[in-house]
Amino acid sequence: GRIVKINGEKVEETICNLDHMHLPDPIKDELEELKKRIN
């Protein structure tokens, strides 16, 4: 669990609307970073 709002103010940027088409993908991010380094 992450605190995303306190007193109605956003604490951090996060997906909290059940949009399963745009969930963060840390593995994809790592592969993109690796691809960039190889290039």
All heavy atoms as atom14 arrays in JSON, in Angstrom:
{
  "sequence": "GRIVKINGEKVEETICNLDHMHLPDPIKDELEELKKRIN",
  "atom14_mask": [
    [1, 1, 1, 1, 0, 0, 0, 0, 0, 0, 0, 0, 0, 0],
    [1, 1, 1, 1, 1, 1, 1, 1, 1, 1, 1, 0, 0, 0],
    [1, 1, 1, 1, 1, 1, 1, 1, 0, 0, 0, 0, 0, 0],
    [1, 1, 1, 1, 1, 1, 1, 0, 0, 0, 0, 0, 0, 0],
    [1, 1, 1, 1, 1, 1, 1, 1, 1, 0, 0, 0, 0, 0],
    [1, 1, 1, 1, 1, 1, 1, 1, 0, 0, 0, 0, 0, 0],
    [1, 1, 1, 1, 1, 1, 1, 1, 0, 0, 0, 0, 0, 0],
    [1, 1, 1, 1, 0, 0, 0, 0, 0, 0, 0, 0, 0, 0],
    [1, 1, 1, 1, 1, 1, 1, 1, 1, 0, 0, 0, 0, 0],
    [1, 1, 1, 1, 1, 1, 1, 1, 1, 0, 0, 0, 0, 0],
    [1, 1, 1, 1, 1, 1, 1, 0, 0, 0, 0, 0, 0, 0],
    [1, 1, 1, 1, 1, 1, 1, 1, 1, 0, 0, 0, 0, 0],
    [1, 1, 1, 1, 1, 1, 1, 1, 1, 0, 0, 0, 0, 0],
    [1, 1, 1, 1, 1, 1, 1, 0, 0, 0, 0, 0, 0, 0],
    [1, 1, 1, 1, 1, 1, 1, 1, 0, 0, 0, 0, 0, 0],
    [1, 1, 1, 1, 1, 1, 0, 0, 0, 0, 0, 0, 0, 0],
    [1, 1, 1, 1, 1, 1, 1, 1, 0, 0, 0, 0, 0, 0],
    [1, 1, 1, 1, 1, 1, 1, 1, 0, 0, 0, 0, 0, 0],
    [1, 1, 1, 1, 1, 1, 1, 1, 0, 0, 0, 0, 0, 0],
    [1, 1, 1, 1, 1, 1, 1, 1, 1, 1, 0, 0, 0, 0],
    [1, 1, 1, 1, 1, 1, 1, 1, 0, 0, 0, 0, 0, 0],
    [1, 1, 1, 1, 1, 1, 1, 1, 1, 1, 0, 0, 0, 0],
    [1, 1, 1, 1, 1, 1, 1, 1, 0, 0, 0, 0, 0, 0],
    [1, 1, 1, 1, 1, 1, 1, 0, 0, 0, 0, 0, 0, 0],
    [1, 1, 1, 1, 1, 1, 1, 1, 0, 0, 0, 0, 0, 0],
    [1, 1, 1, 1, 1, 1, 1, 0, 0, 0, 0, 0, 0, 0],
    [1, 1, 1, 1, 1, 1, 1, 1, 0, 0, 0, 0, 0, 0],
    [1, 1, 1, 1, 1, 1, 1, 1, 1, 0, 0, 0, 0, 0],
    [1, 1, 1, 1, 1, 1, 1, 1, 0, 0, 0, 0, 0, 0],
    [1, 1, 1, 1, 1, 1, 1, 1, 1, 0, 0, 0, 0, 0],
    [1, 1, 1, 1, 1, 1, 1, 1, 0, 0, 0, 0, 0, 0],
    [1, 1, 1, 1, 1, 1, 1, 1, 1, 0, 0, 0, 0, 0],
    [1, 1, 1, 1, 1, 1, 1, 1, 1, 0, 0, 0, 0, 0],
    [1, 1, 1, 1, 1, 1, 1, 1, 0, 0, 0, 0, 0, 0],
    [1, 1, 1, 1, 1, 1, 1, 1, 1, 0, 0, 0, 0, 0],
    [1, 1, 1, 1, 1, 1, 1, 1, 1, 0, 0, 0, 0, 0],
    [1, 1, 1, 1, 1, 1, 1, 1, 1, 1, 1, 0, 0, 0],
    [1, 1, 1, 1, 1, 1, 1, 1, 0, 0, 0, 0, 0, 0],
    [1, 1, 1, 1, 1, 1, 1, 1, 0, 0, 0, 0, 0, 0]
  ],
  "atom14_positions": [
    [[0.81, -1.21, 0.0], [0.0, 0.0, 0.0], [0.84, 1.26, 0.0], [1.81, 1.37, 0.75], [0.0, 0.0, 0.0], [0.0, 0.0, 0.0], [0.0, 0.0, 0.0], [0.0, 0.0, 0.0], [0.0, 0.0, 0.0], [0.0, 0.0, 0.0], [0.0, 0.0, 0.0], [0.0, 0.0, 0.0], [0.0, 0.0, 0.0], [0.0, 0.0, 0.0]],
    [[0.49, 2.21, -0.87], [1.18, 3.5, -0.95], [0.17, 4.6, -0.69], [-0.95, 4.57, -1.22], [1.81, 3.7, -2.34], [2.73, 2.6, -2.78], [3.32, 2.86, -4.16], [2.31, 3.17, -5.16], [1.56, 2.26, -5.78], [1.68, 0.98, -5.45], [0.68, 2.61, -6.69], [0.0, 0.0, 0.0], [0.0, 0.0, 0.0], [0.0, 0.0, 0.0]],
    [[0.57, 5.58, 0.09], [-0.3, 6.73, 0.35], [-0.22, 7.65, -0.86], [0.85, 8.16, -1.2], [0.13, 7.47, 1.62], [0.02, 6.54, 2.84], [-0.71, 8.72, 1.83], [0.66, 7.09, 4.09], [0.0, 0.0, 0.0], [0.0, 0.0, 0.0], [0.0, 0.0, 0.0], [0.0, 0.0, 0.0], [0.0, 0.0, 0.0], [0.0, 0.0, 0.0]],
    [[-1.35, 7.84, -1.54], [-1.36, 8.66, -2.74], [-2.05, 10.01, -2.53], [-1.88, 10.92, -3.34], [-2.04, 7.91, -3.91], [-1.22, 6.68, -4.28], [-3.47, 7.51, -3.58], [0.0, 0.0, 0.0], [0.0, 0.0, 0.0], [0.0, 0.0, 0.0], [0.0, 0.0, 0.0], [0.0, 0.0, 0.0], [0.0, 0.0, 0.0], [0.0, 0.0, 0.0]],
    [[-2.82, 10.13, -1.46], [-3.45, 11.41, -1.14], [-3.49, 11.62, 0.36], [-3.74, 10.67, 1.11], [-4.88, 11.48, -1.69], [-4.99, 11.74, -3.17], [-6.44, 11.92, -3.59], [-6.57, 12.18, -5.07], [-7.99, 12.35, -5.49], [0.0, 0.0, 0.0], [0.0, 0.0, 0.0], [0.0, 0.0, 0.0], [0.0, 0.0, 0.0], [0.0, 0.0, 0.0]],
    [[-3.24, 12.85, 0.79], [-3.46, 13.25, 2.18], [-4.19, 14.58, 2.15], [-3.77, 15.52, 1.46], [-2.13, 13.39, 2.95], [-1.42, 12.04, 3.05], [-2.38, 13.93, 4.35], [-0.09, 12.1, 3.78], [0.0, 0.0, 0.0], [0.0, 0.0, 0.0], [0.0, 0.0, 0.0], [0.0, 0.0, 0.0], [0.0, 0.0, 0.0], [0.0, 0.0, 0.0]],
    [[-5.32, 14.64, 2.86], [-6.16, 15.84, 2.87], [-6.54, 16.29, 1.46], [-6.59, 17.49, 1.16], [-5.45, 16.98, 3.61], [-5.23, 16.66, 5.08], [-6.12, 16.14, 5.74], [-4.04, 16.97, 5.58], [0.0, 0.0, 0.0], [0.0, 0.0, 0.0], [0.0, 0.0, 0.0], [0.0, 0.0, 0.0], [0.0, 0.0, 0.0], [0.0, 0.0, 0.0]],
    [[-6.77, 15.31, 0.59], [-7.2, 15.61, -0.77], [-6.1, 16.0, -1.73], [-6.35, 16.19, -2.92], [0.0, 0.0, 0.0], [0.0, 0.0, 0.0], [0.0, 0.0, 0.0], [0.0, 0.0, 0.0], [0.0, 0.0, 0.0], [0.0, 0.0, 0.0], [0.0, 0.0, 0.0], [0.0, 0.0, 0.0], [0.0, 0.0, 0.0], [0.0, 0.0, 0.0]],
    [[-4.86, 16.12, -1.25], [-3.74, 16.51, -2.1], [-2.94, 15.29, -2.52], [-2.66, 14.41, -1.7], [-2.82, 17.49, -1.35], [-3.49, 18.79, -0.94], [-3.83, 19.66, -2.14], [-3.09, 19.62, -3.14], [-4.85, 20.38, -2.07], [0.0, 0.0, 0.0], [0.0, 0.0, 0.0], [0.0, 0.0, 0.0], [0.0, 0.0, 0.0], [0.0, 0.0, 0.0]],
    [[-2.54, 15.24, -3.8], [-1.77, 14.12, -4.29], [-0.4, 14.08, -3.63], [0.29, 15.09, -3.51], [-1.59, 14.19, -5.81], [-2.81, 13.74, -6.59], [-2.47, 13.62, -8.07], [-3.67, 13.08, -8.84], [-3.37, 12.94, -10.28], [0.0, 0.0, 0.0], [0.0, 0.0, 0.0], [0.0, 0.0, 0.0], [0.0, 0.0, 0.0], [0.0, 0.0, 0.0]],
    [[0.0, 12.88, -3.21], [1.33, 12.7, -2.63], [2.32, 12.29, -3.7], [3.46, 12.7, -3.72], [1.29, 11.63, -1.51], [2.68, 11.29, -1.02], [0.42, 12.11, -0.37], [0.0, 0.0, 0.0], [0.0, 0.0, 0.0], [0.0, 0.0, 0.0], [0.0, 0.0, 0.0], [0.0, 0.0, 0.0], [0.0, 0.0, 0.0], [0.0, 0.0, 0.0]],
    [[1.87, 11.49, -4.65], [2.74, 11.04, -5.73], [1.88, 10.7, -6.93], [0.68, 10.51, -6.83], [3.54, 9.81, -5.32], [2.67, 8.62, -4.97], [3.49, 7.41, -4.57], [3.88, 7.34, -3.4], [3.72, 6.55, -5.43], [0.0, 0.0, 0.0], [0.0, 0.0, 0.0], [0.0, 0.0, 0.0], [0.0, 0.0, 0.0], [0.0, 0.0, 0.0]],
    [[2.54, 10.66, -8.11], [1.81, 10.29, -9.31], [1.65, 8.78, -9.34], [2.61, 8.04, -9.21], [2.62, 10.74, -10.55], [1.84, 10.65, -11.85], [0.69, 11.65, -11.91], [0.8, 12.69, -11.27], [-0.3, 11.36, -12.59], [0.0, 0.0, 0.0], [0.0, 0.0, 0.0], [0.0, 0.0, 0.0], [0.0, 0.0, 0.0], [0.0, 0.0, 0.0]],
    [[0.43, 8.32, -9.46], [0.2, 6.87, -9.48], [-1.06, 6.58, -10.25], [-1.88, 7.46, -10.48], [0.09, 6.31, -8.05], [0.05, 4.89, -8.13], [-1.17, 6.79, -7.35], [0.0, 0.0, 0.0], [0.0, 0.0, 0.0], [0.0, 0.0, 0.0], [0.0, 0.0, 0.0], [0.0, 0.0, 0.0], [0.0, 0.0, 0.0], [0.0, 0.0, 0.0]],
    [[-1.2, 5.35, -10.65], [-2.42, 4.92, -11.34], [-3.34, 4.32, -10.31], [-3.02, 3.31, -9.7], [-2.09, 3.89, -12.44], [-1.22, 4.55, -13.51], [-3.35, 3.31, -13.03], [-0.72, 3.59, -14.55], [0.0, 0.0, 0.0], [0.0, 0.0, 0.0], [0.0, 0.0, 0.0], [0.0, 0.0, 0.0], [0.0, 0.0, 0.0], [0.0, 0.0, 0.0]],
    [[-4.49, 4.93, -10.08], [-5.4, 4.43, -9.07], [-6.84, 4.39, -9.6], [-7.79, 4.52, -8.86], [-5.32, 5.25, -7.79], [-5.58, 7.01, -8.03], [0.0, 0.0, 0.0], [0.0, 0.0, 0.0], [0.0, 0.0, 0.0], [0.0, 0.0, 0.0], [0.0, 0.0, 0.0], [0.0, 0.0, 0.0], [0.0, 0.0, 0.0], [0.0, 0.0, 0.0]],
    [[-6.95, 4.27, -10.96], [-8.27, 4.29, -11.56], [-8.64, 2.96, -12.21], [-9.53, 2.91, -13.06], [-8.36, 5.42, -12.59], [-7.32, 5.27, -13.68], [-6.54, 4.33, -13.67], [-7.32, 6.21, -14.62], [0.0, 0.0, 0.0], [0.0, 0.0, 0.0], [0.0, 0.0, 0.0], [0.0, 0.0, 0.0], [0.0, 0.0, 0.0], [0.0, 0.0, 0.0]],
    [[-7.93, 1.88, -11.86], [-8.19, 0.56, -12.39], [-8.05, 0.5, -13.91], [-8.69, -0.3, -14.57], [-9.59, 0.06, -11.97], [-9.82, -0.04, -10.48], [-11.21, -0.59, -10.21], [-8.79, -0.93, -9.83], [0.0, 0.0, 0.0], [0.0, 0.0, 0.0], [0.0, 0.0, 0.0], [0.0, 0.0, 0.0], [0.0, 0.0, 0.0], [0.0, 0.0, 0.0]],
    [[-7.17, 1.37, -14.49], [-6.92, 1.34, -15.93], [-5.89, 0.27, -16.21], [-4.69, 0.52, -16.24], [-6.43, 2.72, -16.39], [-6.19, 2.77, -17.89], [-6.45, 1.75, -18.55], [-5.74, 3.81, -18.38], [0.0, 0.0, 0.0], [0.0, 0.0, 0.0], [0.0, 0.0, 0.0], [0.0, 0.0, 0.0], [0.0, 0.0, 0.0], [0.0, 0.0, 0.0]],
    [[-6.33, -0.97, -16.44], [-5.41, -2.09, -16.6], [-4.65, -2.06, -17.92], [-3.72, -2.84, -18.1], [-6.18, -3.41, -16.48], [-6.8, -3.6, -15.13], [-6.04, -3.81, -14.0], [-8.08, -3.57, -14.72], [-6.83, -3.94, -12.95], [-8.08, -3.79, -13.36], [0.0, 0.0, 0.0], [0.0, 0.0, 0.0], [0.0, 0.0, 0.0], [0.0, 0.0, 0.0]],
    [[-5.05, -1.19, -18.84], [-4.33, -1.09, -20.11], [-3.06, -0.27, -19.98], [-2.21, -0.3, -20.86], [-5.25, -0.44, -21.17], [-6.47, -1.27, -21.51], [-6.04, -2.88, -22.2], [-5.29, -2.37, -23.75], [0.0, 0.0, 0.0], [0.0, 0.0, 0.0], [0.0, 0.0, 0.0], [0.0, 0.0, 0.0], [0.0, 0.0, 0.0], [0.0, 0.0, 0.0]],
    [[-2.9, 0.46, -18.89], [-1.73, 1.34, -18.75], [-1.06, 1.18, -17.4], [-0.64, 2.14, -16.78], [-2.16, 2.81, -18.96], [-2.77, 3.07, -20.29], [-4.13, 3.01, -20.51], [-2.2, 3.34, -21.5], [-4.39, 3.27, -21.78], [-3.23, 3.47, -22.4], [0.0, 0.0, 0.0], [0.0, 0.0, 0.0], [0.0, 0.0, 0.0], [0.0, 0.0, 0.0]],
    [[-0.92, -0.05, -16.97], [-0.22, -0.32, -15.72], [1.29, -0.2, -15.93], [1.79, -0.49, -17.03], [-0.55, -1.73, -15.23], [-1.98, -1.94, -14.74], [-2.22, -3.42, -14.48], [-2.24, -1.14, -13.48], [0.0, 0.0, 0.0], [0.0, 0.0, 0.0], [0.0, 0.0, 0.0], [0.0, 0.0, 0.0], [0.0, 0.0, 0.0], [0.0, 0.0, 0.0]],
    [[2.04, 0.23, -14.94], [3.49, 0.31, -15.07], [4.1, -1.08, -15.29], [3.62, -2.06, -14.74], [3.94, 0.91, -13.73], [2.81, 0.67, -12.8], [1.56, 0.65, -13.61], [0.0, 0.0, 0.0], [0.0, 0.0, 0.0], [0.0, 0.0, 0.0], [0.0, 0.0, 0.0], [0.0, 0.0, 0.0], [0.0, 0.0, 0.0], [0.0, 0.0, 0.0]],
    [[5.16, -1.13, -16.12], [5.83, -2.4, -16.44], [7.32, -2.24, -16.19], [8.07, -1.82, -17.09], [5.55, -2.77, -17.89], [6.04, -4.18, -18.23], [6.85, -4.71, -17.44], [5.63, -4.72, -19.27], [0.0, 0.0, 0.0], [0.0, 0.0, 0.0], [0.0, 0.0, 0.0], [0.0, 0.0, 0.0], [0.0, 0.0, 0.0], [0.0, 0.0, 0.0]],
    [[7.81, -2.56, -14.96], [9.22, -2.35, -14.64], [10.16, -3.19, -15.5], [11.28, -2.78, -15.8], [9.31, -2.75, -13.16], [8.1, -3.57, -12.9], [7.05, -3.08, -13.83], [0.0, 0.0, 0.0], [0.0, 0.0, 0.0], [0.0, 0.0, 0.0], [0.0, 0.0, 0.0], [0.0, 0.0, 0.0], [0.0, 0.0, 0.0], [0.0, 0.0, 0.0]],
    [[9.73, -4.4, -15.91], [10.59, -5.25, -16.75], [10.79, -4.6, -18.11], [11.91, -4.56, -18.65], [9.97, -6.65, -16.88], [9.95, -7.34, -15.52], [10.76, -7.49, -17.88], [9.27, -8.68, -15.51], [0.0, 0.0, 0.0], [0.0, 0.0, 0.0], [0.0, 0.0, 0.0], [0.0, 0.0, 0.0], [0.0, 0.0, 0.0], [0.0, 0.0, 0.0]],
    [[9.7, -4.09, -18.68], [9.81, -3.4, -19.96], [10.74, -2.2, -19.85], [11.57, -1.94, -20.74], [8.42, -2.96, -20.44], [8.45, -2.24, -21.77], [7.06, -1.76, -22.15], [7.11, -0.95, -23.45], [5.78, -0.41, -23.8], [0.0, 0.0, 0.0], [0.0, 0.0, 0.0], [0.0, 0.0, 0.0], [0.0, 0.0, 0.0], [0.0, 0.0, 0.0]],
    [[10.62, -1.45, -18.75], [11.49, -0.27, -18.56], [12.95, -0.67, -18.49], [13.82, 0.0, -19.06], [11.08, 0.45, -17.26], [9.7, 1.07, -17.36], [9.19, 1.23, -18.48], [9.11, 1.38, -16.3], [0.0, 0.0, 0.0], [0.0, 0.0, 0.0], [0.0, 0.0, 0.0], [0.0, 0.0, 0.0], [0.0, 0.0, 0.0], [0.0, 0.0, 0.0]],
    [[13.25, -1.79, -17.81], [14.63, -2.27, -17.72], [15.16, -2.67, -19.09], [16.31, -2.39, -19.45], [14.71, -3.46, -16.76], [14.53, -3.11, -15.29], [15.74, -2.38, -14.72], [16.83, -2.51, -15.29], [15.58, -1.67, -13.71], [0.0, 0.0, 0.0], [0.0, 0.0, 0.0], [0.0, 0.0, 0.0], [0.0, 0.0, 0.0], [0.0, 0.0, 0.0]],
    [[14.33, -3.36, -19.87], [14.74, -3.79, -21.21], [14.99, -2.59, -22.12], [15.94, -2.58, -22.92], [13.68, -4.71, -21.82], [13.55, -6.1, -21.18], [12.36, -6.85, -21.76], [14.83, -6.92, -21.38], [0.0, 0.0, 0.0], [0.0, 0.0, 0.0], [0.0, 0.0, 0.0], [0.0, 0.0, 0.0], [0.0, 0.0, 0.0], [0.0, 0.0, 0.0]],
    [[14.14, -1.57, -21.99], [14.34, -0.36, -22.79], [15.65, 0.32, -22.43], [16.38, 0.81, -23.3], [13.16, 0.6, -22.58], [11.85, 0.16, -23.19], [11.87, 0.18, -24.7], [12.72, 0.88, -25.27], [11.04, -0.52, -25.31], [0.0, 0.0, 0.0], [0.0, 0.0, 0.0], [0.0, 0.0, 0.0], [0.0, 0.0, 0.0], [0.0, 0.0, 0.0]],
    [[15.95, 0.35, -21.12], [17.2, 0.95, -20.67], [18.4, 0.16, -21.17], [19.42, 0.72, -21.6], [17.21, 1.01, -19.14], [18.37, 1.78, -18.53], [18.34, 3.25, -18.92], [17.24, 3.82, -19.1], [19.45, 3.84, -19.04], [0.0, 0.0, 0.0], [0.0, 0.0, 0.0], [0.0, 0.0, 0.0], [0.0, 0.0, 0.0], [0.0, 0.0, 0.0]],
    [[18.29, -1.18, -21.15], [19.36, -2.06, -21.64], [19.56, -1.87, -23.14], [20.7, -1.81, -23.63], [19.02, -3.5, -21.33], [20.06, -4.57, -21.69], [21.37, -4.31, -20.95], [19.54, -5.97, -21.36], [0.0, 0.0, 0.0], [0.0, 0.0, 0.0], [0.0, 0.0, 0.0], [0.0, 0.0, 0.0], [0.0, 0.0, 0.0], [0.0, 0.0, 0.0]],
    [[18.46, -1.77, -23.88], [18.54, -1.55, -25.33], [19.24, -0.23, -25.65], [20.08, -0.14, -26.56], [17.13, -1.56, -25.91], [17.08, -1.38, -27.42], [15.65, -1.41, -27.91], [15.57, -1.14, -29.41], [14.17, -1.12, -29.89], [0.0, 0.0, 0.0], [0.0, 0.0, 0.0], [0.0, 0.0, 0.0], [0.0, 0.0, 0.0], [0.0, 0.0, 0.0]],
    [[18.91, 0.8, -24.86], [19.53, 2.11, -25.06], [21.04, 2.04, -24.81], [21.83, 2.61, -25.56], [18.87, 3.11, -24.1], [19.16, 4.56, -24.41], [18.52, 5.49, -23.38], [16.99, 5.34, -23.4], [16.36, 6.28, -22.41], [0.0, 0.0, 0.0], [0.0, 0.0, 0.0], [0.0, 0.0, 0.0], [0.0, 0.0, 0.0], [0.0, 0.0, 0.0]],
    [[21.43, 1.29, -23.77], [22.85, 1.16, -23.44], [23.6, 0.39, -24.52], [24.73, 0.76, -24.88], [22.97, 0.43, -22.09], [24.39, 0.22, -21.6], [25.1, 1.53, -21.35], [26.43, 1.31, -20.83], [27.41, 2.21, -20.92], [27.18, 3.37, -21.51], [28.6, 1.95, -20.41], [0.0, 0.0, 0.0], [0.0, 0.0, 0.0], [0.0, 0.0, 0.0]],
    [[22.97, -0.66, -25.07], [23.6, -1.44, -26.15], [23.8, -0.57, -27.38], [24.86, -0.62, -28.04], [22.73, -2.67, -26.49], [22.79, -3.68, -25.34], [23.18, -3.32, -27.79], [21.81, -4.82, -25.48], [0.0, 0.0, 0.0], [0.0, 0.0, 0.0], [0.0, 0.0, 0.0], [0.0, 0.0, 0.0], [0.0, 0.0, 0.0], [0.0, 0.0, 0.0]],
    [[22.81, 0.25, -27.71], [22.94, 1.16, -28.86], [24.09, 2.14, -28.65], [24.84, 2.45, -29.59], [21.63, 1.92, -29.08], [20.54, 1.03, -29.63], [20.83, -0.01, -30.24], [19.28, 1.41, -29.43], [0.0, 0.0, 0.0], [0.0, 0.0, 0.0], [0.0, 0.0, 0.0], [0.0, 0.0, 0.0], [0.0, 0.0, 0.0], [0.0, 0.0, 0.0]]
  ]
}
